[in-house]
Amino acid sequence: MSQQEDLAAVQSRLDELVRRVGQLEQTVDQLRAAGPVTAAAAAPAAKVRTDLVTIPDTPYDNALWTDSDDEGLGVRDRHAP
């Protein structure tokens, strides 16, 4: 690309940015004119989830894994078929 093409591309992107900022300013002005919005009305899907389980950062007890299979390898004292 030549320098003139680069400058034209930059100018085009700047023009697009100015246009979008103008649209954003109009949207903000419309929202301000509409008045304050309560948190419940703004985000009705922002409910507190009760089905989440907190997993502690403490390491697991190694005894949990003593009789487990090595995934894909089978039981420790047997060989794969």
PDB file of N, CA and C in Angstrom:
ATOM      1  N   MET A   1       0.832  -1.187   0.000  1.00  0.00           N
ATOM      2  CA  MET A   1       0.000   0.000   0.000  1.00  0.00           C
ATOM      3  C   MET A   1       0.876   1.250   0.000  1.00  0.00           C
ATOM      4  N   SER A   2       0.447   2.205  -0.747  1.00  0.00           N
ATOM      5  CA  SER A   2       1.188   3.461  -0.768  1.00  0.00           C
ATOM      6  C   SER A   2       0.797   4.308   0.442  1.00  0.00           C
ATOM      7  N   GLN A   3       1.558   5.332   0.648  1.00  0.00           N
ATOM      8  CA  GLN A   3       1.293   6.220   1.774  1.00  0.00           C
ATOM      9  C   GLN A   3      -0.062   6.905   1.611  1.00  0.00           C
ATOM     10  N   GLN A   4      -0.417   7.265   0.390  1.00  0.00           N
ATOM     11  CA  GLN A   4      -1.715   7.918   0.154  1.00  0.00           C
ATOM     12  C   GLN A   4      -2.870   6.962   0.457  1.00  0.00           C
ATOM     13  N   GLU A   5      -2.704   5.699   0.079  1.00  0.00           N
ATOM     14  CA  GLU A   5      -3.741   4.699   0.370  1.00  0.00           C
ATOM     15  C   GLU A   5      -3.879   4.488   1.870  1.00  0.00           C
ATOM     16  N   ASP A   6      -2.736   4.441   2.565  1.00  0.00           N
ATOM     17  CA  ASP A   6      -2.763   4.303   4.027  1.00  0.00           C
ATOM     18  C   ASP A   6      -3.487   5.480   4.668  1.00  0.00           C
ATOM     19  N   LEU A   7      -3.172   6.696   4.219  1.00  0.00           N
ATOM     20  CA  LEU A   7      -3.819   7.881   4.775  1.00  0.00           C
ATOM     21  C   LEU A   7      -5.318   7.889   4.480  1.00  0.00           C
ATOM     22  N   ALA A   8      -5.694   7.453   3.282  1.00  0.00           N
ATOM     23  CA  ALA A   8      -7.115   7.389   2.931  1.00  0.00           C
ATOM     24  C   ALA A   8      -7.838   6.374   3.812  1.00  0.00           C
ATOM     25  N   ALA A   9      -7.197   5.236   4.076  1.00  0.00           N
ATOM     26  CA  ALA A   9      -7.799   4.214   4.935  1.00  0.00           C
ATOM     27  C   ALA A   9      -7.952   4.735   6.362  1.00  0.00           C
ATOM     28  N   VAL A  10      -6.935   5.412   6.868  1.00  0.00           N
ATOM     29  CA  VAL A  10      -6.999   5.988   8.219  1.00  0.00           C
ATOM     30  C   VAL A  10      -8.105   7.038   8.286  1.00  0.00           C
ATOM     31  N   GLN A  11      -8.199   7.887   7.278  1.00  0.00           N
ATOM     32  CA  GLN A  11      -9.237   8.921   7.258  1.00  0.00           C
ATOM     33  C   GLN A  11     -10.623   8.289   7.243  1.00  0.00           C
ATOM     34  N   SER A  12     -10.779   7.241   6.463  1.00  0.00           N
ATOM     35  CA  SER A  12     -12.063   6.542   6.396  1.00  0.00           C
ATOM     36  C   SER A  12     -12.439   5.964   7.757  1.00  0.00           C
ATOM     37  N   ARG A  13     -11.477   5.365   8.429  1.00  0.00           N
ATOM     38  CA  ARG A  13     -11.748   4.787   9.750  1.00  0.00           C
ATOM     39  C   ARG A  13     -12.041   5.871  10.783  1.00  0.00           C
ATOM     40  N   LEU A  14     -11.340   6.991  10.692  1.00  0.00           N
ATOM     41  CA  LEU A  14     -11.619   8.100  11.600  1.00  0.00           C
ATOM     42  C   LEU A  14     -13.023   8.650  11.382  1.00  0.00           C
ATOM     43  N   ASP A  15     -13.426   8.768  10.112  1.00  0.00           N
ATOM     44  CA  ASP A  15     -14.778   9.243   9.802  1.00  0.00           C
ATOM     45  C   ASP A  15     -15.827   8.293  10.386  1.00  0.00           C
ATOM     46  N   GLU A  16     -15.577   6.992  10.255  1.00  0.00           N
ATOM     47  CA  GLU A  16     -16.499   5.992  10.817  1.00  0.00           C
ATOM     48  C   GLU A  16     -16.549   6.099  12.339  1.00  0.00           C
ATOM     49  N   LEU A  17     -15.402   6.312  12.962  1.00  0.00           N
ATOM     50  CA  LEU A  17     -15.345   6.464  14.411  1.00  0.00           C
ATOM     51  C   LEU A  17     -16.130   7.687  14.862  1.00  0.00           C
ATOM     52  N   VAL A  18     -15.953   8.803  14.174  1.00  0.00           N
ATOM     53  CA  VAL A  18     -16.682  10.027  14.513  1.00  0.00           C
ATOM     54  C   VAL A  18     -18.185   9.796  14.370  1.00  0.00           C
ATOM     55  N   ARG A  19     -18.595   9.087  13.320  1.00  0.00           N
ATOM     56  CA  ARG A  19     -20.012   8.802  13.107  1.00  0.00           C
ATOM     57  C   ARG A  19     -20.575   7.949  14.247  1.00  0.00           C
ATOM     58  N   ARG A  20     -19.833   6.928  14.638  1.00  0.00           N
ATOM     59  CA  ARG A  20     -20.313   6.032  15.706  1.00  0.00           C
ATOM     60  C   ARG A  20     -20.328   6.721  17.067  1.00  0.00           C
ATOM     61  N   VAL A  21     -19.350   7.563  17.319  1.00  0.00           N
ATOM     62  CA  VAL A  21     -19.353   8.321  18.574  1.00  0.00           C
ATOM     63  C   VAL A  21     -20.555   9.247  18.612  1.00  0.00           C
ATOM     64  N   GLY A  22     -20.896   9.860  17.486  1.00  0.00           N
ATOM     65  CA  GLY A  22     -22.095  10.695  17.415  1.00  0.00           C
ATOM     66  C   GLY A  22     -23.350   9.899  17.717  1.00  0.00           C
ATOM     67  N   GLN A  23     -23.443   8.683  17.179  1.00  0.00           N
ATOM     68  CA  GLN A  23     -24.588   7.826  17.464  1.00  0.00           C
ATOM     69  C   GLN A  23     -24.641   7.470  18.948  1.00  0.00           C
ATOM     70  N   LEU A  24     -23.491   7.166  19.515  1.00  0.00           N
ATOM     71  CA  LEU A  24     -23.431   6.830  20.933  1.00  0.00           C
ATOM     72  C   LEU A  24     -23.859   8.011  21.795  1.00  0.00           C
ATOM     73  N   GLU A  25     -23.425   9.207  21.443  1.00  0.00           N
ATOM     74  CA  GLU A  25     -23.831  10.403  22.191  1.00  0.00           C
ATOM     75  C   GLU A  25     -25.337  10.600  22.126  1.00  0.00           C
ATOM     76  N   GLN A  26     -25.939  10.364  20.960  1.00  0.00           N
ATOM     77  CA  GLN A  26     -27.392  10.477  20.826  1.00  0.00           C
ATOM     78  C   GLN A  26     -28.101   9.453  21.708  1.00  0.00           C
ATOM     79  N   THR A  27     -27.596   8.234  21.728  1.00  0.00           N
ATOM     80  CA  THR A  27     -28.193   7.188  22.555  1.00  0.00           C
ATOM     81  C   THR A  27     -28.106   7.555  24.029  1.00  0.00           C
ATOM     82  N   VAL A  28     -26.955   8.059  24.455  1.00  0.00           N
ATOM     83  CA  VAL A  28     -26.781   8.463  25.855  1.00  0.00           C
ATOM     84  C   VAL A  28     -27.743   9.599  26.192  1.00  0.00           C
ATOM     85  N   ASP A  29     -27.869  10.564  25.303  1.00  0.00           N
ATOM     86  CA  ASP A  29     -28.797  11.672  25.537  1.00  0.00           C
ATOM     87  C   ASP A  29     -30.229  11.160  25.663  1.00  0.00           C
ATOM     88  N   GLN A  30     -30.613  10.203  24.823  1.00  0.00           N
ATOM     89  CA  GLN A  30     -31.967   9.635  24.898  1.00  0.00           C
ATOM     90  C   GLN A  30     -32.178   8.896  26.217  1.00  0.00           C
ATOM     91  N   LEU A  31     -31.175   8.170  26.651  1.00  0.00           N
ATOM     92  CA  LEU A  31     -31.292   7.433  27.917  1.00  0.00           C
ATOM     93  C   LEU A  31     -31.382   8.393  29.099  1.00  0.00           C
ATOM     94  N   ARG A  32     -30.617   9.456  29.051  1.00  0.00           N
ATOM     95  CA  ARG A  32     -30.679  10.450  30.129  1.00  0.00           C
ATOM     96  C   ARG A  32     -32.044  11.124  30.169  1.00  0.00           C
ATOM     97  N   ALA A  33     -32.598  11.390  29.001  1.00  0.00           N
ATOM     98  CA  ALA A  33     -33.915  12.034  28.929  1.00  0.00           C
ATOM     99  C   ALA A  33     -35.011  11.098  29.431  1.00  0.00           C
ATOM    100  N   ALA A  34     -34.798   9.796  29.310  1.00  0.00           N
ATOM    101  CA  ALA A  34     -35.802   8.823  29.753  1.00  0.00           C
ATOM    102  C   ALA A  34     -35.862   8.727  31.273  1.00  0.00           C
ATOM    103  N   GLY A  35     -34.852   9.205  31.953  1.00  0.00           N
ATOM    104  CA  GLY A  35     -34.850   9.187  33.413  1.00  0.00           C
ATOM    105  C   GLY A  35     -34.077   8.017  33.963  1.00  0.00           C
ATOM    106  N   PRO A  36     -33.976   7.966  35.284  1.00  0.00           N
ATOM    107  CA  PRO A  36     -33.204   6.893  35.924  1.00  0.00           C
ATOM    108  C   PRO A  36     -33.900   5.541  35.758  1.00  0.00           C
ATOM    109  N   VAL A  37     -33.088   4.512  35.693  1.00  0.00           N
ATOM    110  CA  VAL A  37     -33.590   3.148  35.564  1.00  0.00           C
ATOM    111  C   VAL A  37     -33.144   2.386  36.794  1.00  0.00           C
ATOM    112  N   THR A  38     -34.063   1.651  37.406  1.00  0.00           N
ATOM    113  CA  THR A  38     -33.702   0.862  38.580  1.00  0.00           C
ATOM    114  C   THR A  38     -32.874  -0.329  38.160  1.00  0.00           C
ATOM    115  N   ALA A  39     -32.121  -0.864  39.087  1.00  0.00           N
ATOM    116  CA  ALA A  39     -31.260  -2.000  38.780  1.00  0.00           C
ATOM    117  C   ALA A  39     -32.086  -3.209  38.365  1.00  0.00           C
ATOM    118  N   ALA A  40     -33.239  -3.410  38.969  1.00  0.00           N
ATOM    119  CA  ALA A  40     -34.083  -4.553  38.625  1.00  0.00           C
ATOM    120  C   ALA A  40     -34.619  -4.434  37.211  1.00  0.00           C
ATOM    121  N   ALA A  41     -34.956  -3.231  36.797  1.00  0.00           N
ATOM    122  CA  ALA A  41     -35.476  -3.043  35.445  1.00  0.00           C
ATOM    123  C   ALA A  41     -34.358  -3.103  34.412  1.00  0.00           C
ATOM    124  N   ALA A  42     -33.158  -2.699  34.787  1.00  0.00           N
ATOM    125  CA  ALA A  42     -32.047  -2.683  33.844  1.00  0.00           C
ATOM    126  C   ALA A  42     -31.535  -4.079  33.554  1.00  0.00           C
ATOM    127  N   ALA A  43     -31.546  -4.941  34.535  1.00  0.00           N
ATOM    128  CA  ALA A  43     -30.993  -6.275  34.357  1.00  0.00           C
ATOM    129  C   ALA A  43     -31.904  -7.318  35.004  1.00  0.00           C
ATOM    130  N   PRO A  44     -33.035  -7.619  34.395  1.00  0.00           N
ATOM    131  CA  PRO A  44     -33.928  -8.594  35.001  1.00  0.00           C
ATOM    132  C   PRO A  44     -33.334  -9.999  35.054  1.00  0.00           C
ATOM    133  N   ALA A  45     -32.376 -10.294  34.199  1.00  0.00           N
ATOM    134  CA  ALA A  45     -31.780 -11.624  34.186  1.00  0.00           C
ATOM    135  C   ALA A  45     -30.653 -11.753  35.208  1.00  0.00           C
ATOM    136  N   ALA A  46     -30.380 -10.722  35.969  1.00  0.00           N
ATOM    137  CA  ALA A  46     -29.279 -10.741  36.930  1.00  0.00           C
ATOM    138  C   ALA A  46     -29.743 -11.312  38.261  1.00  0.00           C
ATOM    139  N   LYS A  47     -30.347 -12.500  38.210  1.00  0.00           N
ATOM    140  CA  LYS A  47     -30.800 -13.159  39.431  1.00  0.00           C
ATOM    141  C   LYS A  47     -29.623 -13.849  40.105  1.00  0.00           C
ATOM    142  N   VAL A  48     -29.728 -14.019  41.403  1.00  0.00           N
ATOM    143  CA  VAL A  48     -28.691 -14.724  42.145  1.00  0.00           C
ATOM    144  C   VAL A  48     -28.885 -16.210  41.908  1.00  0.00           C
ATOM    145  N   ARG A  49     -27.822 -16.854  41.436  1.00  0.00           N
ATOM    146  CA  ARG A  49     -27.925 -18.291  41.166  1.00  0.00           C
ATOM    147  C   ARG A  49     -27.696 -19.056  42.457  1.00  0.00           C
ATOM    148  N   THR A  50     -28.609 -19.933  42.765  1.00  0.00           N
ATOM    149  CA  THR A  50     -28.490 -20.727  43.985  1.00  0.00           C
ATOM    150  C   THR A  50     -27.959 -22.122  43.697  1.00  0.00           C
ATOM    151  N   ASP A  51     -27.819 -22.500  42.433  1.00  0.00           N
ATOM    152  CA  ASP A  51     -27.348 -23.835  42.092  1.00  0.00           C
ATOM    153  C   ASP A  51     -25.829 -23.921  41.960  1.00  0.00           C
ATOM    154  N   LEU A  52     -25.123 -22.837  42.236  1.00  0.00           N
ATOM    155  CA  LEU A  52     -23.667 -22.849  42.140  1.00  0.00           C
ATOM    156  C   LEU A  52     -23.064 -23.418  43.413  1.00  0.00           C
ATOM    157  N   VAL A  53     -21.988 -24.169  43.254  1.00  0.00           N
ATOM    158  CA  VAL A  53     -21.297 -24.769  44.389  1.00  0.00           C
ATOM    159  C   VAL A  53     -19.888 -24.209  44.436  1.00  0.00           C
ATOM    160  N   THR A  54     -19.478 -23.739  45.588  1.00  0.00           N
ATOM    161  CA  THR A  54     -18.128 -23.210  45.749  1.00  0.00           C
ATOM    162  C   THR A  54     -17.169 -24.374  45.958  1.00  0.00           C
ATOM    163  N   ILE A  55     -16.096 -24.408  45.180  1.00  0.00           N
ATOM    164  CA  ILE A  55     -15.086 -25.456  45.303  1.00  0.00           C
ATOM    165  C   ILE A  55     -13.891 -24.850  46.016  1.00  0.00           C
ATOM    166  N   PRO A  56     -13.503 -25.431  47.138  1.00  0.00           N
ATOM    167  CA  PRO A  56     -12.399 -24.854  47.913  1.00  0.00           C
ATOM    168  C   PRO A  56     -11.073 -24.992  47.174  1.00  0.00           C
ATOM    169  N   ASP A  57     -10.129 -24.124  47.524  1.00  0.00           N
ATOM    170  CA  ASP A  57      -8.806 -24.147  46.920  1.00  0.00           C
ATOM    171  C   ASP A  57      -7.870 -25.143  47.592  1.00  0.00           C
ATOM    172  N   THR A  58      -8.305 -25.729  48.684  1.00  0.00           N
ATOM    173  CA  THR A  58      -7.458 -26.680  49.399  1.00  0.00           C
ATOM    174  C   THR A  58      -7.290 -27.947  48.564  1.00  0.00           C
ATOM    175  N   PRO A  59      -6.133 -28.596  48.646  1.00  0.00           N
ATOM    176  CA  PRO A  59      -5.912 -29.809  47.854  1.00  0.00           C
ATOM    177  C   PRO A  59      -6.827 -30.946  48.329  1.00  0.00           C
ATOM    178  N   TYR A  60      -7.177 -31.829  47.395  1.00  0.00           N
ATOM    179  CA  TYR A  60      -7.991 -32.997  47.741  1.00  0.00           C
ATOM    180  C   TYR A  60      -7.168 -33.995  48.530  1.00  0.00           C
ATOM    181  N   ASP A  61      -7.854 -34.782  49.332  1.00  0.00           N
ATOM    182  CA  ASP A  61      -7.221 -35.848  50.087  1.00  0.00           C
ATOM    183  C   ASP A  61      -6.808 -36.942  49.101  1.00  0.00           C
ATOM    184  N   ASN A  62      -5.558 -37.355  49.123  1.00  0.00           N
ATOM    185  CA  ASN A  62      -5.069 -38.383  48.199  1.00  0.00           C
ATOM    186  C   ASN A  62      -5.778 -39.711  48.373  1.00  0.00           C
ATOM    187  N   ALA A  63      -6.373 -39.956  49.522  1.00  0.00           N
ATOM    188  CA  ALA A  63      -7.096 -41.204  49.754  1.00  0.00           C
ATOM    189  C   ALA A  63      -8.312 -41.313  48.830  1.00  0.00           C
ATOM    190  N   LEU A  64      -8.795 -40.206  48.310  1.00  0.00           N
ATOM    191  CA  LEU A  64      -9.921 -40.251  47.383  1.00  0.00           C
ATOM    192  C   LEU A  64      -9.574 -41.005  46.111  1.00  0.00           C
ATOM    193  N   TRP A  65      -8.293 -41.059  45.762  1.00  0.00           N
ATOM    194  CA  TRP A  65      -7.889 -41.615  44.474  1.00  0.00           C
ATOM    195  C   TRP A  65      -7.251 -43.000  44.583  1.00  0.00           C
ATOM    196  N   THR A  66      -7.207 -43.595  45.745  1.00  0.00           N
ATOM    197  CA  THR A  66      -6.474 -44.854  45.903  1.00  0.00           C
ATOM    198  C   THR A  66      -7.050 -45.996  45.070  1.00  0.00           C
ATOM    199  N   ASP A  67      -8.349 -46.147  44.963  1.00  0.00           N
ATOM    200  CA  ASP A  67      -8.947 -47.248  44.211  1.00  0.00           C
ATOM    201  C   ASP A  67      -9.453 -46.821  42.841  1.00  0.00           C
ATOM    202  N   SER A  68      -9.019 -45.696  42.357  1.00  0.00           N
ATOM    203  CA  SER A  68      -9.529 -45.197  41.082  1.00  0.00           C
ATOM    204  C   SER A  68      -8.756 -45.796  39.911  1.00  0.00           C
ATOM    205  N   ASP A  69      -9.392 -45.791  38.765  1.00  0.00           N
ATOM    206  CA  ASP A  69      -8.741 -46.250  37.537  1.00  0.00           C
ATOM    207  C   ASP A  69      -7.978 -45.080  36.923  1.00  0.00           C
ATOM    208  N   ASP A  70      -6.877 -45.392  36.257  1.00  0.00           N
ATOM    209  CA  ASP A  70      -6.204 -44.381  35.460  1.00  0.00           C
ATOM    210  C   ASP A  70      -7.018 -44.242  34.183  1.00  0.00           C
ATOM    211  N   GLU A  71      -7.520 -43.078  33.932  1.00  0.00           N
ATOM    212  CA  GLU A  71      -8.437 -42.884  32.823  1.00  0.00           C
ATOM    213  C   GLU A  71      -7.812 -43.350  31.509  1.00  0.00           C
ATOM    214  N   GLY A  72      -8.490 -44.262  30.856  1.00  0.00           N
ATOM    215  CA  GLY A  72      -8.030 -44.769  29.577  1.00  0.00           C
ATOM    216  C   GLY A  72      -7.024 -45.897  29.695  1.00  0.00           C
ATOM    217  N   LEU A  73      -6.515 -46.155  30.879  1.00  0.00           N
ATOM    218  CA  LEU A  73      -5.509 -47.203  31.056  1.00  0.00           C
ATOM    219  C   LEU A  73      -6.033 -48.390  31.841  1.00  0.00           C
ATOM    220  N   GLY A  74      -7.165 -48.260  32.470  1.00  0.00           N
ATOM    221  CA  GLY A  74      -7.726 -49.371  33.248  1.00  0.00           C
ATOM    222  C   GLY A  74      -7.231 -49.353  34.688  1.00  0.00           C
ATOM    223  N   VAL A  75      -7.499 -50.454  35.357  1.00  0.00           N
ATOM    224  CA  VAL A  75      -7.147 -50.601  36.769  1.00  0.00           C
ATOM    225  C   VAL A  75      -5.636 -50.794  36.889  1.00  0.00           C
ATOM    226  N   ARG A  76      -5.055 -50.288  37.969  1.00  0.00           N
ATOM    227  CA  ARG A  76      -3.598 -50.288  38.130  1.00  0.00           C
ATOM    228  C   ARG A  76      -2.974 -51.697  38.123  1.00  0.00           C
ATOM    229  N   ASP A  77      -3.609 -52.675  38.752  1.00  0.00           N
ATOM    230  CA  ASP A  77      -2.971 -53.991  38.864  1.00  0.00           C
ATOM    231  C   ASP A  77      -3.306 -54.926  37.704  1.00  0.00           C
ATOM    232  N   ARG A  78      -3.992 -54.420  36.690  1.00  0.00           N
ATOM    233  CA  ARG A  78      -4.311 -55.230  35.502  1.00  0.00           C
ATOM    234  C   ARG A  78      -3.714 -54.561  34.279  1.00  0.00           C
ATOM    235  N   HIS A  79      -3.513 -55.349  33.235  1.00  0.00           N
ATOM    236  CA  HIS A  79      -2.980 -54.786  32.010  1.00  0.00           C
ATOM    237  C   HIS A  79      -4.114 -54.577  30.993  1.00  0.00           C
ATOM    238  N   ALA A  80      -3.857 -53.703  30.059  1.00  0.00           N
ATOM    239  CA  ALA A  80      -4.863 -53.406  29.040  1.00  0.00           C
ATOM    240  C   ALA A  80      -5.006 -54.619  28.113  1.00  0.00           C
ATOM    241  N   PRO A  81      -6.202 -54.860  27.569  1.00  0.00           N
ATOM    242  CA  PRO A  81      -6.408 -56.031  26.691  1.00  0.00           C
ATOM    243  C   PRO A  81      -5.600 -55.949  25.427  1.00  0.00           C
TER     244      PRO A  81
END
